Each structure stands twice: as structure tokens, then as C-alpha cells.
Amino acid sequence: MAMDMNRMMKQARKMQEQMTKAQQEVAEQEFTATAGGGAVEATVKGNMRLVSLKIDPEAVDPDDVEILQDMIVAAVNGAIEDAETTTNDRMNAITGGLNIPGMM
């Protein structure tokens, strides 16, 4: 029984190391999404920080700022969703879909 517990602890440590490495790798990845047919492009890192925002000058209409604001929000949220999906996919690949509290 002690051998089983030692093996389980060793596997848990290995899984935690893999998860930490995957989290670090994803944190450095960049995720880009566009909105308005490419008029707005947002790039975030896997750590959910916005690193780039590009706006096509033709998308800037002083009489309709709300549409531009909506496109910015949509592009940023799309990039964040991509980052979250990639993070979750990487964690699930390591844990086999197990929900391990405190490890994600």
C-alpha cells in the first residue's frame, strides 16, 4: 500500500510539473482575433494581457464611435477566449480531464 501511495505521489508531482510548464508556455503564446471584417485586430498573451491593438483607419468614424468600441471589445474578447481555450485544452491533455482543485 505504501508503494501505491509513493507511486501516486510521484505521478501527482510529475503532473504538477507538466501543468506548470504548460501554463508557462501558454502564458508566452500570443492569440489574435479580429472583428469588423478585420477592421480591428487584438492580440493577447496567454496570461490574458493585451499586447497589441490595431485599428484600420477606415474603421474610425467620428460620427459612430460606438461601432468601433464594439469591434474593439469583440476582438479583445475573441483573443482572450482563444487563450483560455488553449490553456484549458493543454491542462485537460495533462490531467485527462480530471478536475484537480488548486492545480489550475
PDB file of N, CA and C in Angstrom:
ATOM      1  N   MET A   1       0.824  -1.188   0.000  1.00  0.00           N
ATOM      2  CA  MET A   1       0.000   0.000   0.000  1.00  0.00           C
ATOM      3  C   MET A   1       0.868   1.252   0.000  1.00  0.00           C
ATOM      4  N   ALA A   2       1.989   1.208   0.725  1.00  0.00           N
ATOM      5  CA  ALA A   2       2.899   2.354   0.746  1.00  0.00           C
ATOM      6  C   ALA A   2       3.501   2.584  -0.628  1.00  0.00           C
ATOM      7  N   MET A   3       3.745   1.508  -1.365  1.00  0.00           N
ATOM      8  CA  MET A   3       4.290   1.629  -2.718  1.00  0.00           C
ATOM      9  C   MET A   3       3.287   2.323  -3.636  1.00  0.00           C
ATOM     10  N   ASP A   4       2.018   1.955  -3.500  1.00  0.00           N
ATOM     11  CA  ASP A   4       0.983   2.592  -4.312  1.00  0.00           C
ATOM     12  C   ASP A   4       0.894   4.081  -4.008  1.00  0.00           C
ATOM     13  N   MET A   5       0.979   4.434  -2.728  1.00  0.00           N
ATOM     14  CA  MET A   5       0.903   5.834  -2.326  1.00  0.00           C
ATOM     15  C   MET A   5       2.123   6.588  -2.852  1.00  0.00           C
ATOM     16  N   ASN A   6       3.293   5.983  -2.760  1.00  0.00           N
ATOM     17  CA  ASN A   6       4.510   6.629  -3.279  1.00  0.00           C
ATOM     18  C   ASN A   6       4.408   6.829  -4.783  1.00  0.00           C
ATOM     19  N   ARG A   7       3.894   5.826  -5.494  1.00  0.00           N
ATOM     20  CA  ARG A   7       3.741   5.928  -6.940  1.00  0.00           C
ATOM     21  C   ARG A   7       2.728   7.023  -7.292  1.00  0.00           C
ATOM     22  N   MET A   8       1.640   7.086  -6.536  1.00  0.00           N
ATOM     23  CA  MET A   8       0.634   8.111  -6.787  1.00  0.00           C
ATOM     24  C   MET A   8       1.204   9.506  -6.533  1.00  0.00           C
ATOM     25  N   MET A   9       1.981   9.653  -5.477  1.00  0.00           N
ATOM     26  CA  MET A   9       2.586  10.954  -5.167  1.00  0.00           C
ATOM     27  C   MET A   9       3.572  11.352  -6.258  1.00  0.00           C
ATOM     28  N   LYS A  10       4.349  10.396  -6.732  1.00  0.00           N
ATOM     29  CA  LYS A  10       5.304  10.664  -7.801  1.00  0.00           C
ATOM     30  C   LYS A  10       4.566  11.094  -9.077  1.00  0.00           C
ATOM     31  N   GLN A  11       3.468  10.418  -9.401  1.00  0.00           N
ATOM     32  CA  GLN A  11       2.678  10.777 -10.574  1.00  0.00           C
ATOM     33  C   GLN A  11       2.059  12.160 -10.414  1.00  0.00           C
ATOM     34  N   ALA A  12       1.594  12.463  -9.201  1.00  0.00           N
ATOM     35  CA  ALA A  12       0.996  13.778  -8.945  1.00  0.00           C
ATOM     36  C   ALA A  12       2.036  14.883  -9.106  1.00  0.00           C
ATOM     37  N   ARG A  13       3.250  14.646  -8.595  1.00  0.00           N
ATOM     38  CA  ARG A  13       4.322  15.648  -8.759  1.00  0.00           C
ATOM     39  C   ARG A  13       4.655  15.841 -10.226  1.00  0.00           C
ATOM     40  N   LYS A  14       4.734  14.747 -10.971  1.00  0.00           N
ATOM     41  CA  LYS A  14       5.038  14.838 -12.401  1.00  0.00           C
ATOM     42  C   LYS A  14       3.938  15.606 -13.131  1.00  0.00           C
ATOM     43  N   MET A  15       2.675  15.326 -12.792  1.00  0.00           N
ATOM     44  CA  MET A  15       1.561  16.019 -13.417  1.00  0.00           C
ATOM     45  C   MET A  15       1.621  17.511 -13.095  1.00  0.00           C
ATOM     46  N   GLN A  16       1.932  17.839 -11.856  1.00  0.00           N
ATOM     47  CA  GLN A  16       2.013  19.244 -11.465  1.00  0.00           C
ATOM     48  C   GLN A  16       3.148  19.947 -12.213  1.00  0.00           C
ATOM     49  N   GLU A  17       4.284  19.273 -12.383  1.00  0.00           N
ATOM     50  CA  GLU A  17       5.399  19.853 -13.141  1.00  0.00           C
ATOM     51  C   GLU A  17       4.993  20.096 -14.593  1.00  0.00           C
ATOM     52  N   GLN A  18       4.278  19.132 -15.183  1.00  0.00           N
ATOM     53  CA  GLN A  18       3.827  19.275 -16.568  1.00  0.00           C
ATOM     54  C   GLN A  18       2.847  20.439 -16.695  1.00  0.00           C
ATOM     55  N   MET A  19       1.966  20.564 -15.723  1.00  0.00           N
ATOM     56  CA  MET A  19       0.979  21.640 -15.761  1.00  0.00           C
ATOM     57  C   MET A  19       1.655  22.997 -15.613  1.00  0.00           C
ATOM     58  N   THR A  20       2.625  23.095 -14.725  1.00  0.00           N
ATOM     59  CA  THR A  20       3.340  24.358 -14.540  1.00  0.00           C
ATOM     60  C   THR A  20       4.063  24.747 -15.820  1.00  0.00           C
ATOM     61  N   LYS A  21       4.719  23.767 -16.444  1.00  0.00           N
ATOM     62  CA  LYS A  21       5.421  24.035 -17.701  1.00  0.00           C
ATOM     63  C   LYS A  21       4.445  24.473 -18.789  1.00  0.00           C
ATOM     64  N   ALA A  22       3.317  23.787 -18.895  1.00  0.00           N
ATOM     65  CA  ALA A  22       2.312  24.136 -19.911  1.00  0.00           C
ATOM     66  C   ALA A  22       1.756  25.532 -19.662  1.00  0.00           C
ATOM     67  N   GLN A  23       1.495  25.875 -18.404  1.00  0.00           N
ATOM     68  CA  GLN A  23       0.982  27.205 -18.078  1.00  0.00           C
ATOM     69  C   GLN A  23       1.992  28.280 -18.483  1.00  0.00           C
ATOM     70  N   GLN A  24       3.277  28.014 -18.231  1.00  0.00           N
ATOM     71  CA  GLN A  24       4.309  28.984 -18.607  1.00  0.00           C
ATOM     72  C   GLN A  24       4.390  29.128 -20.116  1.00  0.00           C
ATOM     73  N   GLU A  25       4.301  28.020 -20.830  1.00  0.00           N
ATOM     74  CA  GLU A  25       4.364  28.063 -22.293  1.00  0.00           C
ATOM     75  C   GLU A  25       3.176  28.828 -22.870  1.00  0.00           C
ATOM     76  N   VAL A  26       1.975  28.544 -22.374  1.00  0.00           N
ATOM     77  CA  VAL A  26       0.782  29.226 -22.873  1.00  0.00           C
ATOM     78  C   VAL A  26       0.834  30.711 -22.528  1.00  0.00           C
ATOM     79  N   ALA A  27       1.365  31.054 -21.356  1.00  0.00           N
ATOM     80  CA  ALA A  27       1.450  32.462 -20.941  1.00  0.00           C
ATOM     81  C   ALA A  27       2.269  33.277 -21.935  1.00  0.00           C
ATOM     82  N   GLU A  28       3.216  32.656 -22.606  1.00  0.00           N
ATOM     83  CA  GLU A  28       4.064  33.358 -23.569  1.00  0.00           C
ATOM     84  C   GLU A  28       3.497  33.352 -24.986  1.00  0.00           C
ATOM     85  N   GLN A  29       2.512  32.490 -25.242  1.00  0.00           N
ATOM     86  CA  GLN A  29       1.905  32.440 -26.573  1.00  0.00           C
ATOM     87  C   GLN A  29       1.074  33.688 -26.824  1.00  0.00           C
ATOM     88  N   GLU A  30       0.936  34.037 -28.092  1.00  0.00           N
ATOM     89  CA  GLU A  30       0.084  35.153 -28.465  1.00  0.00           C
ATOM     90  C   GLU A  30      -1.132  34.629 -29.217  1.00  0.00           C
ATOM     91  N   PHE A  31      -2.274  35.254 -28.943  1.00  0.00           N
ATOM     92  CA  PHE A  31      -3.541  34.883 -29.548  1.00  0.00           C
ATOM     93  C   PHE A  31      -4.143  36.131 -30.172  1.00  0.00           C
ATOM     94  N   THR A  32      -4.500  36.044 -31.441  1.00  0.00           N
ATOM     95  CA  THR A  32      -5.013  37.197 -32.169  1.00  0.00           C
ATOM     96  C   THR A  32      -6.425  36.909 -32.670  1.00  0.00           C
ATOM     97  N   ALA A  33      -7.281  37.914 -32.539  1.00  0.00           N
ATOM     98  CA  ALA A  33      -8.637  37.817 -33.070  1.00  0.00           C
ATOM     99  C   ALA A  33      -8.975  39.137 -33.747  1.00  0.00           C
ATOM    100  N   THR A  34      -9.886  39.063 -34.704  1.00  0.00           N
ATOM    101  CA  THR A  34     -10.303  40.269 -35.423  1.00  0.00           C
ATOM    102  C   THR A  34     -11.807  40.454 -35.298  1.00  0.00           C
ATOM    103  N   ALA A  35     -12.242  41.659 -35.594  1.00  0.00           N
ATOM    104  CA  ALA A  35     -13.668  41.979 -35.623  1.00  0.00           C
ATOM    105  C   ALA A  35     -13.898  42.992 -36.730  1.00  0.00           C
ATOM    106  N   GLY A  36     -15.137  43.105 -37.154  1.00  0.00           N
ATOM    107  CA  GLY A  36     -15.466  44.067 -38.203  1.00  0.00           C
ATOM    108  C   GLY A  36     -14.791  43.744 -39.514  1.00  0.00           C
ATOM    109  N   GLY A  37     -14.712  42.453 -39.835  1.00  0.00           N
ATOM    110  CA  GLY A  37     -14.080  42.055 -41.088  1.00  0.00           C
ATOM    111  C   GLY A  37     -12.600  42.385 -41.137  1.00  0.00           C
ATOM    112  N   GLY A  38     -11.960  42.403 -39.986  1.00  0.00           N
ATOM    113  CA  GLY A  38     -10.538  42.696 -39.916  1.00  0.00           C
ATOM    114  C   GLY A  38     -10.228  44.150 -39.629  1.00  0.00           C
ATOM    115  N   ALA A  39     -11.240  44.970 -39.427  1.00  0.00           N
ATOM    116  CA  ALA A  39     -11.022  46.390 -39.147  1.00  0.00           C
ATOM    117  C   ALA A  39     -10.335  46.604 -37.809  1.00  0.00           C
ATOM    118  N   VAL A  40     -10.546  45.659 -36.875  1.00  0.00           N
ATOM    119  CA  VAL A  40      -9.904  45.729 -35.565  1.00  0.00           C
ATOM    120  C   VAL A  40      -9.245  44.378 -35.307  1.00  0.00           C
ATOM    121  N   GLU A  41      -7.998  44.432 -34.869  1.00  0.00           N
ATOM    122  CA  GLU A  41      -7.252  43.225 -34.556  1.00  0.00           C
ATOM    123  C   GLU A  41      -6.656  43.371 -33.163  1.00  0.00           C
ATOM    124  N   ALA A  42      -6.919  42.395 -32.300  1.00  0.00           N
ATOM    125  CA  ALA A  42      -6.393  42.420 -30.938  1.00  0.00           C
ATOM    126  C   ALA A  42      -5.534  41.186 -30.711  1.00  0.00           C
ATOM    127  N   THR A  43      -4.413  41.375 -30.032  1.00  0.00           N
ATOM    128  CA  THR A  43      -3.534  40.272 -29.685  1.00  0.00           C
ATOM    129  C   THR A  43      -3.317  40.286 -28.180  1.00  0.00           C
ATOM    130  N   VAL A  44      -3.535  39.114 -27.566  1.00  0.00           N
ATOM    131  CA  VAL A  44      -3.288  38.959 -26.142  1.00  0.00           C
ATOM    132  C   VAL A  44      -2.290  37.831 -25.943  1.00  0.00           C
ATOM    133  N   LYS A  45      -1.593  37.881 -24.829  1.00  0.00           N
ATOM    134  CA  LYS A  45      -0.727  36.762 -24.443  1.00  0.00           C
ATOM    135  C   LYS A  45      -1.577  35.772 -23.659  1.00  0.00           C
ATOM    136  N   GLY A  46      -1.054  34.592 -23.480  1.00  0.00           N
ATOM    137  CA  GLY A  46      -1.767  33.560 -22.734  1.00  0.00           C
ATOM    138  C   GLY A  46      -2.017  33.928 -21.286  1.00  0.00           C
ATOM    139  N   ASN A  47      -1.317  34.934 -20.793  1.00  0.00           N
ATOM    140  CA  ASN A  47      -1.554  35.408 -19.429  1.00  0.00           C
ATOM    141  C   ASN A  47      -2.673  36.441 -19.384  1.00  0.00           C
ATOM    142  N   MET A  48      -3.412  36.549 -20.493  1.00  0.00           N
ATOM    143  CA  MET A  48      -4.593  37.406 -20.633  1.00  0.00           C
ATOM    144  C   MET A  48      -4.272  38.897 -20.636  1.00  0.00           C
ATOM    145  N   ARG A  49      -3.084  39.260 -21.061  1.00  0.00           N
ATOM    146  CA  ARG A  49      -2.694  40.663 -21.167  1.00  0.00           C
ATOM    147  C   ARG A  49      -2.735  41.083 -22.623  1.00  0.00           C
ATOM    148  N   LEU A  50      -3.391  42.203 -22.888  1.00  0.00           N
ATOM    149  CA  LEU A  50      -3.456  42.769 -24.232  1.00  0.00           C
ATOM    150  C   LEU A  50      -2.076  43.304 -24.589  1.00  0.00           C
ATOM    151  N   VAL A  51      -1.531  42.853 -25.723  1.00  0.00           N
ATOM    152  CA  VAL A  51      -0.195  43.301 -26.126  1.00  0.00           C
ATOM    153  C   VAL A  51      -0.219  44.123 -27.409  1.00  0.00           C
ATOM    154  N   SER A  52      -1.319  44.025 -28.166  1.00  0.00           N
ATOM    155  CA  SER A  52      -1.379  44.764 -29.420  1.00  0.00           C
ATOM    156  C   SER A  52      -2.833  44.994 -29.807  1.00  0.00           C
ATOM    157  N   LEU A  53      -3.085  46.200 -30.323  1.00  0.00           N
ATOM    158  CA  LEU A  53      -4.406  46.543 -30.826  1.00  0.00           C
ATOM    159  C   LEU A  53      -4.208  47.349 -32.099  1.00  0.00           C
ATOM    160  N   LYS A  54      -4.735  46.822 -33.204  1.00  0.00           N
ATOM    161  CA  LYS A  54      -4.607  47.508 -34.485  1.00  0.00           C
ATOM    162  C   LYS A  54      -6.002  47.892 -34.974  1.00  0.00           C
ATOM    163  N   ILE A  55      -6.119  49.137 -35.437  1.00  0.00           N
ATOM    164  CA  ILE A  55      -7.397  49.634 -35.933  1.00  0.00           C
ATOM    165  C   ILE A  55      -7.176  50.203 -37.329  1.00  0.00           C
ATOM    166  N   ASP A  56      -7.923  49.676 -38.278  1.00  0.00           N
ATOM    167  CA  ASP A  56      -7.871  50.198 -39.645  1.00  0.00           C
ATOM    168  C   ASP A  56      -8.407  51.627 -39.607  1.00  0.00           C
ATOM    169  N   PRO A  57      -7.651  52.587 -40.147  1.00  0.00           N
ATOM    170  CA  PRO A  57      -8.109  53.985 -40.125  1.00  0.00           C
ATOM    171  C   PRO A  57      -9.500  54.183 -40.712  1.00  0.00           C
ATOM    172  N   GLU A  58      -9.890  53.333 -41.650  1.00  0.00           N
ATOM    173  CA  GLU A  58     -11.218  53.453 -42.247  1.00  0.00           C
ATOM    174  C   GLU A  58     -12.325  53.074 -41.265  1.00  0.00           C
ATOM    175  N   ALA A  59     -11.955  52.385 -40.168  1.00  0.00           N
ATOM    176  CA  ALA A  59     -12.949  51.993 -39.169  1.00  0.00           C
ATOM    177  C   ALA A  59     -13.267  53.139 -38.220  1.00  0.00           C
ATOM    178  N   VAL A  60     -12.481  54.203 -38.299  1.00  0.00           N
ATOM    179  CA  VAL A  60     -12.665  55.337 -37.397  1.00  0.00           C
ATOM    180  C   VAL A  60     -13.649  56.324 -38.024  1.00  0.00           C
ATOM    181  N   ASP A  61     -14.852  56.283 -37.519  1.00  0.00           N
ATOM    182  CA  ASP A  61     -15.896  57.198 -37.971  1.00  0.00           C
ATOM    183  C   ASP A  61     -16.296  58.049 -36.766  1.00  0.00           C
ATOM    184  N   PRO A  62     -15.901  59.327 -36.753  1.00  0.00           N
ATOM    185  CA  PRO A  62     -16.191  60.170 -35.584  1.00  0.00           C
ATOM    186  C   PRO A  62     -17.679  60.265 -35.269  1.00  0.00           C
ATOM    187  N   ASP A  63     -18.514  59.988 -36.250  1.00  0.00           N
ATOM    188  CA  ASP A  63     -19.958  60.056 -36.020  1.00  0.00           C
ATOM    189  C   ASP A  63     -20.532  58.744 -35.483  1.00  0.00           C
ATOM    190  N   ASP A  64     -19.710  57.700 -35.448  1.00  0.00           N
ATOM    191  CA  ASP A  64     -20.210  56.406 -34.975  1.00  0.00           C
ATOM    192  C   ASP A  64     -19.118  55.681 -34.183  1.00  0.00           C
ATOM    193  N   VAL A  65     -18.724  56.258 -33.074  1.00  0.00           N
ATOM    194  CA  VAL A  65     -17.676  55.692 -32.224  1.00  0.00           C
ATOM    195  C   VAL A  65     -18.128  54.384 -31.583  1.00  0.00           C
ATOM    196  N   GLU A  66     -19.424  54.229 -31.360  1.00  0.00           N
ATOM    197  CA  GLU A  66     -19.929  53.027 -30.693  1.00  0.00           C
ATOM    198  C   GLU A  66     -19.602  51.752 -31.459  1.00  0.00           C
ATOM    199  N   ILE A  67     -19.691  51.797 -32.776  1.00  0.00           N
ATOM    200  CA  ILE A  67     -19.365  50.604 -33.569  1.00  0.00           C
ATOM    201  C   ILE A  67     -17.899  50.243 -33.391  1.00  0.00           C
ATOM    202  N   LEU A  68     -17.019  51.207 -33.405  1.00  0.00           N
ATOM    203  CA  LEU A  68     -15.595  50.952 -33.199  1.00  0.00           C
ATOM    204  C   LEU A  68     -15.370  50.368 -31.810  1.00  0.00           C
ATOM    205  N   GLN A  69     -16.010  50.916 -30.816  1.00  0.00           N
ATOM    206  CA  GLN A  69     -15.868  50.390 -29.453  1.00  0.00           C
ATOM    207  C   GLN A  69     -16.328  48.933 -29.394  1.00  0.00           C
ATOM    208  N   ASP A  70     -17.446  48.631 -30.032  1.00  0.00           N
ATOM    209  CA  ASP A  70     -17.956  47.260 -30.051  1.00  0.00           C
ATOM    210  C   ASP A  70     -16.983  46.312 -30.745  1.00  0.00           C
ATOM    211  N   MET A  71     -16.370  46.775 -31.850  1.00  0.00           N
ATOM    212  CA  MET A  71     -15.409  45.935 -32.560  1.00  0.00           C
ATOM    213  C   MET A  71     -14.182  45.671 -31.702  1.00  0.00           C
ATOM    214  N   ILE A  72     -13.736  46.682 -30.968  1.00  0.00           N
ATOM    215  CA  ILE A  72     -12.575  46.509 -30.084  1.00  0.00           C
ATOM    216  C   ILE A  72     -12.886  45.477 -29.007  1.00  0.00           C
ATOM    217  N   VAL A  73     -14.024  45.621 -28.371  1.00  0.00           N
ATOM    218  CA  VAL A  73     -14.420  44.672 -27.334  1.00  0.00           C
ATOM    219  C   VAL A  73     -14.509  43.259 -27.903  1.00  0.00           C
ATOM    220  N   ALA A  74     -15.116  43.117 -29.069  1.00  0.00           N
ATOM    221  CA  ALA A  74     -15.272  41.802 -29.689  1.00  0.00           C
ATOM    222  C   ALA A  74     -13.916  41.178 -30.018  1.00  0.00           C
ATOM    223  N   ALA A  75     -13.003  41.963 -30.562  1.00  0.00           N
ATOM    224  CA  ALA A  75     -11.688  41.436 -30.922  1.00  0.00           C
ATOM    225  C   ALA A  75     -10.903  41.028 -29.677  1.00  0.00           C
ATOM    226  N   VAL A  76     -10.910  41.868 -28.652  1.00  0.00           N
ATOM    227  CA  VAL A  76     -10.178  41.547 -27.417  1.00  0.00           C
ATOM    228  C   VAL A  76     -10.777  40.301 -26.770  1.00  0.00           C
ATOM    229  N   ASN A  77     -12.094  40.260 -26.661  1.00  0.00           N
ATOM    230  CA  ASN A  77     -12.724  39.091 -26.050  1.00  0.00           C
ATOM    231  C   ASN A  77     -12.469  37.819 -26.855  1.00  0.00           C
ATOM    232  N   GLY A  78     -12.453  37.932 -28.174  1.00  0.00           N
ATOM    233  CA  GLY A  78     -12.157  36.771 -29.008  1.00  0.00           C
ATOM    234  C   GLY A  78     -10.753  36.240 -28.772  1.00  0.00           C
ATOM    235  N   ALA A  79      -9.794  37.127 -28.648  1.00  0.00           N
ATOM    236  CA  ALA A  79      -8.414  36.706 -28.393  1.00  0.00           C
ATOM    237  C   ALA A  79      -8.290  36.073 -27.011  1.00  0.00           C
ATOM    238  N   ILE A  80      -8.961  36.661 -26.018  1.00  0.00           N
ATOM    239  CA  ILE A  80      -8.928  36.098 -24.662  1.00  0.00           C
ATOM    240  C   ILE A  80      -9.572  34.714 -24.642  1.00  0.00           C
ATOM    241  N   GLU A  81     -10.684  34.554 -25.338  1.00  0.00           N
ATOM    242  CA  GLU A  81     -11.347  33.249 -25.405  1.00  0.00           C
ATOM    243  C   GLU A  81     -10.434  32.204 -26.036  1.00  0.00           C
ATOM    244  N   ASP A  82      -9.698  32.591 -27.088  1.00  0.00           N
ATOM    245  CA  ASP A  82      -8.750  31.665 -27.710  1.00  0.00           C
ATOM    246  C   ASP A  82      -7.662  31.256 -26.717  1.00  0.00           C
ATOM    247  N   ALA A  83      -7.157  32.213 -25.953  1.00  0.00           N
ATOM    248  CA  ALA A  83      -6.128  31.920 -24.956  1.00  0.00           C
ATOM    249  C   ALA A  83      -6.666  30.994 -23.876  1.00  0.00           C
ATOM    250  N   GLU A  84      -7.880  31.258 -23.418  1.00  0.00           N
ATOM    251  CA  GLU A  84      -8.484  30.410 -22.382  1.00  0.00           C
ATOM    252  C   GLU A  84      -8.720  28.993 -22.894  1.00  0.00           C
ATOM    253  N   THR A  85      -9.200  28.878 -24.128  1.00  0.00           N
ATOM    254  CA  THR A  85      -9.450  27.560 -24.712  1.00  0.00           C
ATOM    255  C   THR A  85      -8.157  26.769 -24.821  1.00  0.00           C
ATOM    256  N   THR A  86      -7.096  27.423 -25.288  1.00  0.00           N
ATOM    257  CA  THR A  86      -5.811  26.745 -25.416  1.00  0.00           C
ATOM    258  C   THR A  86      -5.302  26.305 -24.050  1.00  0.00           C
ATOM    259  N   THR A  87      -5.419  27.174 -23.049  1.00  0.00           N
ATOM    260  CA  THR A  87      -4.984  26.824 -21.695  1.00  0.00           C
ATOM    261  C   THR A  87      -5.768  25.621 -21.186  1.00  0.00           C
ATOM    262  N   ASN A  88      -7.085  25.659 -21.322  1.00  0.00           N
ATOM    263  CA  ASN A  88      -7.913  24.543 -20.847  1.00  0.00           C
ATOM    264  C   ASN A  88      -7.596  23.253 -21.589  1.00  0.00           C
ATOM    265  N   ASP A  89      -7.398  23.337 -22.893  1.00  0.00           N
ATOM    266  CA  ASP A  89      -7.058  22.151 -23.685  1.00  0.00           C
ATOM    267  C   ASP A  89      -5.739  21.543 -23.221  1.00  0.00           C
ATOM    268  N   ARG A  90      -4.741  22.414 -22.974  1.00  0.00           N
ATOM    269  CA  ARG A  90      -3.435  21.913 -22.514  1.00  0.00           C
ATOM    270  C   ARG A  90      -3.545  21.248 -21.146  1.00  0.00           C
ATOM    271  N   MET A  91      -4.308  21.858 -20.242  1.00  0.00           N
ATOM    272  CA  MET A  91      -4.464  21.290 -18.899  1.00  0.00           C
ATOM    273  C   MET A  91      -5.224  19.965 -18.957  1.00  0.00           C
ATOM    274  N   ASN A  92      -6.284  19.903 -19.778  1.00  0.00           N
ATOM    275  CA  ASN A  92      -7.047  18.667 -19.909  1.00  0.00           C
ATOM    276  C   ASN A  92      -6.216  17.548 -20.522  1.00  0.00           C
ATOM    277  N   ALA A  93      -5.312  17.892 -21.435  1.00  0.00           N
ATOM    278  CA  ALA A  93      -4.439  16.883 -22.024  1.00  0.00           C
ATOM    279  C   ALA A  93      -3.521  16.278 -20.968  1.00  0.00           C
ATOM    280  N   ILE A  94      -3.117  17.090 -20.006  1.00  0.00           N
ATOM    281  CA  ILE A  94      -2.223  16.604 -18.951  1.00  0.00           C
ATOM    282  C   ILE A  94      -2.991  15.817 -17.898  1.00  0.00           C
ATOM    283  N   THR A  95      -4.150  16.321 -17.493  1.00  0.00           N
ATOM    284  CA  THR A  95      -4.902  15.704 -16.401  1.00  0.00           C
ATOM    285  C   THR A  95      -5.887  14.640 -16.873  1.00  0.00           C
ATOM    286  N   GLY A  96      -6.044  14.510 -18.169  1.00  0.00           N
ATOM    287  CA  GLY A  96      -7.017  13.555 -18.682  1.00  0.00           C
ATOM    288  C   GLY A  96      -8.438  14.000 -18.389  1.00  0.00           C
ATOM    289  N   GLY A  97      -8.628  15.292 -18.211  1.00  0.00           N
ATOM    290  CA  GLY A  97      -9.958  15.835 -17.952  1.00  0.00           C
ATOM    291  C   GLY A  97     -10.349  15.829 -16.488  1.00  0.00           C
ATOM    292  N   LEU A  98      -9.463  15.348 -15.618  1.00  0.00           N
ATOM    293  CA  LEU A  98      -9.764  15.361 -14.184  1.00  0.00           C
ATOM    294  C   LEU A  98      -9.784  16.790 -13.683  1.00  0.00           C
ATOM    295  N   ASN A  99     -10.714  17.099 -12.812  1.00  0.00           N
ATOM    296  CA  ASN A  99     -10.769  18.419 -12.192  1.00  0.00           C
ATOM    297  C   ASN A  99      -9.969  18.339 -10.903  1.00  0.00           C
ATOM    298  N   ILE A 100      -8.764  18.908 -10.930  1.00  0.00           N
ATOM    299  CA  ILE A 100      -7.881  18.837  -9.766  1.00  0.00           C
ATOM    300  C   ILE A 100      -7.823  20.220  -9.135  1.00  0.00           C
ATOM    301  N   PRO A 101      -8.524  20.406  -8.013  1.00  0.00           N
ATOM    302  CA  PRO A 101      -8.546  21.727  -7.370  1.00  0.00           C
ATOM    303  C   PRO A 101      -7.146  22.201  -7.008  1.00  0.00           C
ATOM    304  N   GLY A 102      -6.919  23.490  -7.205  1.00  0.00           N
ATOM    305  CA  GLY A 102      -5.650  24.084  -6.828  1.00  0.00           C
ATOM    306  C   GLY A 102      -4.526  23.886  -7.822  1.00  0.00           C
ATOM    307  N   MET A 103      -4.754  23.099  -8.871  1.00  0.00           N
ATOM    308  CA  MET A 103      -3.688  22.829  -9.834  1.00  0.00           C
ATOM    309  C   MET A 103      -3.882  23.626 -11.110  1.00  0.00           C
ATOM    310  N   MET A 104      -4.996  24.332 -11.256  1.00  0.00           N
ATOM    311  CA  MET A 104      -5.220  25.112 -12.474  1.00  0.00           C
ATOM    312  C   MET A 104      -5.441  26.539 -12.131  1.00  0.00           C
TER     313      MET A 104
END
